[in-house]
Amino acid sequence: MDALRMLTERVSVPQLTGPEITPQEQEILLRSALRAPDHAWLRPSRYLLVTGEERRALGEVFLHATPDWQQLSEDRQQKILAMPLRAPLLIIAVSCIRQHPKVPRDEQLLSTGAGVQNILNAAWALGLGAIWRTGEMAVNPQVAEALGLSSQDVIVGFVYVGHVNGHLKQPPELPLDDFVTHWKPKTP
């Protein structure tokens, strides 16, 4: 796929299905992530892959990390358990924050976010669908602990990757003038 077309036409794909993402496809996704900007080469990004039955175990983690989960309806519990089953591959993007005199925390988070965007673009280029999700589980300390993360680690997102299963949304054509202006310095 042409790179510029990919960048201007990619959309998030919430309806994903199998078959499994091949090891070769996974490697392309992850190598793309590692090409994100990285000031001072801190390498703050880590990616946890969740596939197969591991997705069910992660669903259990999500359920038990939900406050007062025992009081939830059976339907709500099943919905939480099924969250990781939305796609055959779940990539958990983590930023491992380090103290650095020239690279602030936000820049390290943005680096991992850029890695996620590279995964989304690479998936699209491979003919796959993907969507970046966050939500309550991304900031839940019990989830972080179950994933083996330290107190300096931040879950930047859950990237669901699979094959497109449904109709793709057509994004609106956004007029650039609504978002872009030319800066002009103030004159004294």
C-alpha atoms as a PDB file:
ATOM      1  CA  MET A   1       0.000   0.000   0.000  1.00  0.00           C
ATOM      2  CA  ASP A   2       1.205   3.505  -0.812  1.00  0.00           C
ATOM      3  CA  ALA A   3       2.490   5.178   2.386  1.00  0.00           C
ATOM      4  CA  LEU A   4       0.678   8.508   1.901  1.00  0.00           C
ATOM      5  CA  ARG A   5      -2.591   6.792   1.064  1.00  0.00           C
ATOM      6  CA  MET A   6      -2.225   4.646   4.170  1.00  0.00           C
ATOM      7  CA  LEU A   7      -1.606   7.692   6.372  1.00  0.00           C
ATOM      8  CA  THR A   8      -4.575   9.624   4.991  1.00  0.00           C
ATOM      9  CA  GLU A   9      -7.103   6.768   4.798  1.00  0.00           C
ATOM     10  CA  ARG A  10      -6.441   4.635   7.905  1.00  0.00           C
ATOM     11  CA  VAL A  11      -9.371   4.208  10.260  1.00  0.00           C
ATOM     12  CA  SER A  12      -9.774   2.402  13.558  1.00  0.00           C
ATOM     13  CA  VAL A  13     -11.498  -0.951  13.214  1.00  0.00           C
ATOM     14  CA  PRO A  14     -13.593  -1.984  16.239  1.00  0.00           C
ATOM     15  CA  GLN A  15     -14.934  -5.233  14.722  1.00  0.00           C
ATOM     16  CA  LEU A  16     -12.049  -7.692  14.431  1.00  0.00           C
ATOM     17  CA  THR A  17     -11.797 -11.425  13.921  1.00  0.00           C
ATOM     18  CA  GLY A  18      -9.322 -14.234  13.233  1.00  0.00           C
ATOM     19  CA  PRO A  19      -7.421 -15.948  11.881  1.00  0.00           C
ATOM     20  CA  GLU A  20      -4.446 -15.425  14.148  1.00  0.00           C
ATOM     21  CA  ILE A  21      -1.926 -12.732  13.303  1.00  0.00           C
ATOM     22  CA  THR A  22       1.133 -14.518  11.930  1.00  0.00           C
ATOM     23  CA  PRO A  23       4.532 -14.261  13.609  1.00  0.00           C
ATOM     24  CA  GLN A  24       5.794 -12.399  10.532  1.00  0.00           C
ATOM     25  CA  GLU A  25       2.961  -9.866  10.793  1.00  0.00           C
ATOM     26  CA  GLN A  26       3.580  -9.471  14.532  1.00  0.00           C
ATOM     27  CA  GLU A  27       7.251  -8.794  13.849  1.00  0.00           C
ATOM     28  CA  ILE A  28       6.396  -6.062  11.337  1.00  0.00           C
ATOM     29  CA  LEU A  29       3.986  -4.444  13.797  1.00  0.00           C
ATOM     30  CA  LEU A  30       6.553  -4.447  16.595  1.00  0.00           C
ATOM     31  CA  ARG A  31       9.484  -3.324  14.454  1.00  0.00           C
ATOM     32  CA  SER A  32       7.286  -0.443  13.294  1.00  0.00           C
ATOM     33  CA  ALA A  33       6.566   0.473  16.915  1.00  0.00           C
ATOM     34  CA  LEU A  34      10.267   0.602  17.701  1.00  0.00           C
ATOM     35  CA  ARG A  35      10.822   3.220  14.972  1.00  0.00           C
ATOM     36  CA  ALA A  36       8.924   5.846  16.972  1.00  0.00           C
ATOM     37  CA  PRO A  37      10.808   9.021  17.939  1.00  0.00           C
ATOM     38  CA  ASP A  38      12.889   8.406  21.043  1.00  0.00           C
ATOM     39  CA  HIS A  39      14.802  11.377  22.464  1.00  0.00           C
ATOM     40  CA  ALA A  40      18.137  10.342  24.027  1.00  0.00           C
ATOM     41  CA  TRP A  41      17.419   6.753  22.999  1.00  0.00           C
ATOM     42  CA  LEU A  42      15.825   5.991  26.335  1.00  0.00           C
ATOM     43  CA  ARG A  43      13.782   3.174  24.814  1.00  0.00           C
ATOM     44  CA  PRO A  44      10.834   3.754  27.161  1.00  0.00           C
ATOM     45  CA  SER A  45       8.386   1.513  25.292  1.00  0.00           C
ATOM     46  CA  ARG A  46       7.556  -2.088  26.065  1.00  0.00           C
ATOM     47  CA  TYR A  47       4.914  -4.193  24.345  1.00  0.00           C
ATOM     48  CA  LEU A  48       3.175  -7.162  25.947  1.00  0.00           C
ATOM     49  CA  LEU A  49       1.581  -9.600  23.483  1.00  0.00           C
ATOM     50  CA  VAL A  50      -1.567 -11.423  24.520  1.00  0.00           C
ATOM     51  CA  THR A  51      -2.884 -14.206  22.271  1.00  0.00           C
ATOM     52  CA  GLY A  52      -4.869 -17.422  22.424  1.00  0.00           C
ATOM     53  CA  GLU A  53      -5.984 -18.543  25.876  1.00  0.00           C
ATOM     54  CA  GLU A  54      -3.871 -15.820  27.489  1.00  0.00           C
ATOM     55  CA  ARG A  55      -6.681 -13.463  26.443  1.00  0.00           C
ATOM     56  CA  ARG A  56      -9.128 -15.355  28.680  1.00  0.00           C
ATOM     57  CA  ALA A  57      -6.713 -15.107  31.614  1.00  0.00           C
ATOM     58  CA  LEU A  58      -6.441 -11.357  31.008  1.00  0.00           C
ATOM     59  CA  GLY A  59     -10.245 -11.167  31.031  1.00  0.00           C
ATOM     60  CA  GLU A  60     -10.167 -12.716  34.517  1.00  0.00           C
ATOM     61  CA  VAL A  61      -7.613 -10.083  35.562  1.00  0.00           C
ATOM     62  CA  PHE A  62      -9.915  -7.349  34.214  1.00  0.00           C
ATOM     63  CA  LEU A  63     -12.935  -8.750  36.031  1.00  0.00           C
ATOM     64  CA  HIS A  64     -11.198  -9.143  39.390  1.00  0.00           C
ATOM     65  CA  ALA A  65      -9.682  -5.658  39.083  1.00  0.00           C
ATOM     66  CA  THR A  66     -13.141  -4.141  38.658  1.00  0.00           C
ATOM     67  CA  PRO A  67     -14.363  -2.619  41.938  1.00  0.00           C
ATOM     68  CA  ASP A  68     -17.211  -4.610  43.521  1.00  0.00           C
ATOM     69  CA  TRP A  69     -17.255  -7.005  40.579  1.00  0.00           C
ATOM     70  CA  GLN A  70     -19.258  -9.560  42.586  1.00  0.00           C
ATOM     71  CA  GLN A  71     -22.193  -7.146  42.633  1.00  0.00           C
ATOM     72  CA  LEU A  72     -22.237  -6.735  38.852  1.00  0.00           C
ATOM     73  CA  SER A  73     -24.872  -8.472  36.779  1.00  0.00           C
ATOM     74  CA  GLU A  74     -23.862 -11.697  35.056  1.00  0.00           C
ATOM     75  CA  ASP A  75     -24.117  -9.909  31.689  1.00  0.00           C
ATOM     76  CA  ARG A  76     -21.748  -7.141  32.819  1.00  0.00           C
ATOM     77  CA  GLN A  77     -19.281  -9.685  34.210  1.00  0.00           C
ATOM     78  CA  GLN A  78     -19.326 -11.592  30.914  1.00  0.00           C
ATOM     79  CA  LYS A  79     -18.743  -8.374  28.981  1.00  0.00           C
ATOM     80  CA  ILE A  80     -15.651  -7.582  31.069  1.00  0.00           C
ATOM     81  CA  LEU A  81     -14.346 -11.148  30.703  1.00  0.00           C
ATOM     82  CA  ALA A  82     -14.752 -10.873  26.920  1.00  0.00           C
ATOM     83  CA  MET A  83     -12.891  -7.569  26.531  1.00  0.00           C
ATOM     84  CA  PRO A  84      -9.547  -9.184  25.577  1.00  0.00           C
ATOM     85  CA  LEU A  85     -11.346 -11.514  23.149  1.00  0.00           C
ATOM     86  CA  ARG A  86     -12.237  -8.652  20.786  1.00  0.00           C
ATOM     87  CA  ALA A  87      -9.335  -9.570  18.492  1.00  0.00           C
ATOM     88  CA  PRO A  88      -6.879 -12.428  18.010  1.00  0.00           C
ATOM     89  CA  LEU A  89      -3.956 -10.232  19.081  1.00  0.00           C
ATOM     90  CA  LEU A  90      -3.847  -7.748  21.922  1.00  0.00           C
ATOM     91  CA  ILE A  91      -0.745  -5.594  22.289  1.00  0.00           C
ATOM     92  CA  ILE A  92      -0.411  -3.783  25.608  1.00  0.00           C
ATOM     93  CA  ALA A  93       1.746  -0.691  25.118  1.00  0.00           C
ATOM     94  CA  VAL A  94       3.657   0.325  28.224  1.00  0.00           C
ATOM     95  CA  SER A  95       5.878   3.338  28.794  1.00  0.00           C
ATOM     96  CA  CYS A  96       8.610   2.655  31.351  1.00  0.00           C
ATOM     97  CA  ILE A  97       9.217   6.145  32.702  1.00  0.00           C
ATOM     98  CA  ARG A  98      12.761   7.065  33.707  1.00  0.00           C
ATOM     99  CA  GLN A  99      14.096  10.210  35.287  1.00  0.00           C
ATOM    100  CA  HIS A 100      16.153  12.111  32.742  1.00  0.00           C
ATOM    101  CA  PRO A 101      17.331  15.745  32.753  1.00  0.00           C
ATOM    102  CA  LYS A 102      16.412  16.320  29.087  1.00  0.00           C
ATOM    103  CA  VAL A 103      13.533  13.917  28.475  1.00  0.00           C
ATOM    104  CA  PRO A 104      10.451  14.617  30.611  1.00  0.00           C
ATOM    105  CA  ARG A 105       7.803  12.051  31.487  1.00  0.00           C
ATOM    106  CA  ASP A 106       5.354  13.372  28.895  1.00  0.00           C
ATOM    107  CA  GLU A 107       7.875  12.994  26.113  1.00  0.00           C
ATOM    108  CA  GLN A 108       8.442   9.366  27.070  1.00  0.00           C
ATOM    109  CA  LEU A 109       4.682   8.765  27.045  1.00  0.00           C
ATOM    110  CA  LEU A 110       4.412  10.449  23.648  1.00  0.00           C
ATOM    111  CA  SER A 111       7.185   8.210  22.329  1.00  0.00           C
ATOM    112  CA  THR A 112       5.195   5.127  23.288  1.00  0.00           C
ATOM    113  CA  GLY A 113       2.067   6.737  21.840  1.00  0.00           C
ATOM    114  CA  ALA A 114       3.932   7.273  18.574  1.00  0.00           C
ATOM    115  CA  GLY A 115       4.877   3.597  18.684  1.00  0.00           C
ATOM    116  CA  VAL A 116       1.202   2.704  19.016  1.00  0.00           C
ATOM    117  CA  GLN A 117       0.360   4.895  16.034  1.00  0.00           C
ATOM    118  CA  ASN A 118       3.060   3.100  14.056  1.00  0.00           C
ATOM    119  CA  ILE A 119       1.446  -0.235  14.980  1.00  0.00           C
ATOM    120  CA  LEU A 120      -1.943   1.036  13.775  1.00  0.00           C
ATOM    121  CA  ASN A 121      -0.441   2.246  10.497  1.00  0.00           C
ATOM    122  CA  ALA A 122       1.540  -0.948   9.952  1.00  0.00           C
ATOM    123  CA  ALA A 123      -1.558  -3.061  10.594  1.00  0.00           C
ATOM    124  CA  TRP A 124      -3.486  -1.035   8.013  1.00  0.00           C
ATOM    125  CA  ALA A 125      -0.632  -1.399   5.505  1.00  0.00           C
ATOM    126  CA  LEU A 126      -0.709  -5.178   6.050  1.00  0.00           C
ATOM    127  CA  GLY A 127      -4.446  -5.252   5.310  1.00  0.00           C
ATOM    128  CA  LEU A 128      -5.310  -5.826   8.975  1.00  0.00           C
ATOM    129  CA  GLY A 129      -7.576  -3.852  11.253  1.00  0.00           C
ATOM    130  CA  ALA A 130      -6.615  -2.373  14.604  1.00  0.00           C
ATOM    131  CA  ILE A 131      -7.976  -0.121  17.303  1.00  0.00           C
ATOM    132  CA  TRP A 132      -6.292   1.634  20.245  1.00  0.00           C
ATOM    133  CA  ARG A 133      -8.266   1.523  23.486  1.00  0.00           C
ATOM    134  CA  THR A 134      -7.586   2.774  26.993  1.00  0.00           C
ATOM    135  CA  GLY A 135     -10.286   3.007  29.669  1.00  0.00           C
ATOM    136  CA  GLU A 136     -10.412   1.963  33.300  1.00  0.00           C
ATOM    137  CA  MET A 137      -8.138  -1.054  32.909  1.00  0.00           C
ATOM    138  CA  ALA A 138      -5.281   1.103  31.596  1.00  0.00           C
ATOM    139  CA  VAL A 139      -5.101   3.001  34.896  1.00  0.00           C
ATOM    140  CA  ASN A 140      -6.027   0.181  37.250  1.00  0.00           C
ATOM    141  CA  PRO A 141      -3.183  -0.680  39.674  1.00  0.00           C
ATOM    142  CA  GLN A 142      -4.367  -4.295  40.014  1.00  0.00           C
ATOM    143  CA  VAL A 143      -4.109  -4.763  36.243  1.00  0.00           C
ATOM    144  CA  ALA A 144      -0.627  -3.224  36.245  1.00  0.00           C
ATOM    145  CA  GLU A 145       0.444  -5.553  39.055  1.00  0.00           C
ATOM    146  CA  ALA A 146      -0.975  -8.632  37.310  1.00  0.00           C
ATOM    147  CA  LEU A 147       0.958  -7.649  34.170  1.00  0.00           C
ATOM    148  CA  GLY A 148       4.174  -7.438  36.203  1.00  0.00           C
ATOM    149  CA  LEU A 149       4.552  -3.694  35.781  1.00  0.00           C
ATOM    150  CA  SER A 150       6.449  -1.448  38.182  1.00  0.00           C
ATOM    151  CA  SER A 151       5.213   1.783  39.725  1.00  0.00           C
ATOM    152  CA  GLN A 152       7.105   3.747  37.030  1.00  0.00           C
ATOM    153  CA  ASP A 153       5.313   1.926  34.199  1.00  0.00           C
ATOM    154  CA  VAL A 154       2.279   3.450  32.491  1.00  0.00           C
ATOM    155  CA  ILE A 155      -0.125   1.553  30.259  1.00  0.00           C
ATOM    156  CA  VAL A 156      -0.489   3.800  27.223  1.00  0.00           C
ATOM    157  CA  GLY A 157      -3.075   1.595  25.604  1.00  0.00           C
ATOM    158  CA  PHE A 158      -4.441  -1.741  24.543  1.00  0.00           C
ATOM    159  CA  VAL A 159      -4.071  -2.258  20.801  1.00  0.00           C
ATOM    160  CA  TYR A 160      -6.459  -4.827  19.373  1.00  0.00           C
ATOM    161  CA  VAL A 161      -5.287  -6.301  16.054  1.00  0.00           C
ATOM    162  CA  GLY A 162      -7.154  -8.669  13.765  1.00  0.00           C
ATOM    163  CA  HIS A 163      -8.838  -9.051  10.435  1.00  0.00           C
ATOM    164  CA  VAL A 164     -11.588  -6.617   9.515  1.00  0.00           C
ATOM    165  CA  ASN A 165     -14.988  -8.047  10.397  1.00  0.00           C
ATOM    166  CA  GLY A 166     -17.614  -5.641   9.141  1.00  0.00           C
ATOM    167  CA  HIS A 167     -18.081  -2.384   7.351  1.00  0.00           C
ATOM    168  CA  LEU A 168     -15.420   0.277   7.799  1.00  0.00           C
ATOM    169  CA  LYS A 169     -16.517   3.757   8.780  1.00  0.00           C
ATOM    170  CA  GLN A 170     -15.788   6.505   6.307  1.00  0.00           C
ATOM    171  CA  PRO A 171     -14.072   9.269   8.232  1.00  0.00           C
ATOM    172  CA  PRO A 172     -15.286  12.789   7.506  1.00  0.00           C
ATOM    173  CA  GLU A 173     -13.168  14.978   5.282  1.00  0.00           C
ATOM    174  CA  LEU A 174     -11.881  17.571   7.731  1.00  0.00           C
ATOM    175  CA  PRO A 175     -11.240  21.077   6.419  1.00  0.00           C
ATOM    176  CA  LEU A 176      -7.662  21.969   7.287  1.00  0.00           C
ATOM    177  CA  ASP A 177      -8.616  25.583   8.012  1.00  0.00           C
ATOM    178  CA  ASP A 178     -10.563  24.370  11.070  1.00  0.00           C
ATOM    179  CA  PHE A 179      -7.368  22.985  12.607  1.00  0.00           C
ATOM    180  CA  VAL A 180      -4.431  24.827  11.077  1.00  0.00           C
ATOM    181  CA  THR A 181      -3.374  28.469  11.189  1.00  0.00           C
ATOM    182  CA  HIS A 182      -0.178  30.193  10.227  1.00  0.00           C
ATOM    183  CA  TRP A 183       1.529  31.699  13.253  1.00  0.00           C
ATOM    184  CA  LYS A 184       2.576  35.297  12.960  1.00  0.00           C
ATOM    185  CA  PRO A 185       4.750  36.989  15.569  1.00  0.00           C
ATOM    186  CA  LYS A 186       3.284  39.939  17.417  1.00  0.00           C
ATOM    187  CA  THR A 187       4.671  43.232  16.311  1.00  0.00           C
ATOM    188  CA  PRO A 188       5.672  45.688  19.057  1.00  0.00           C
END
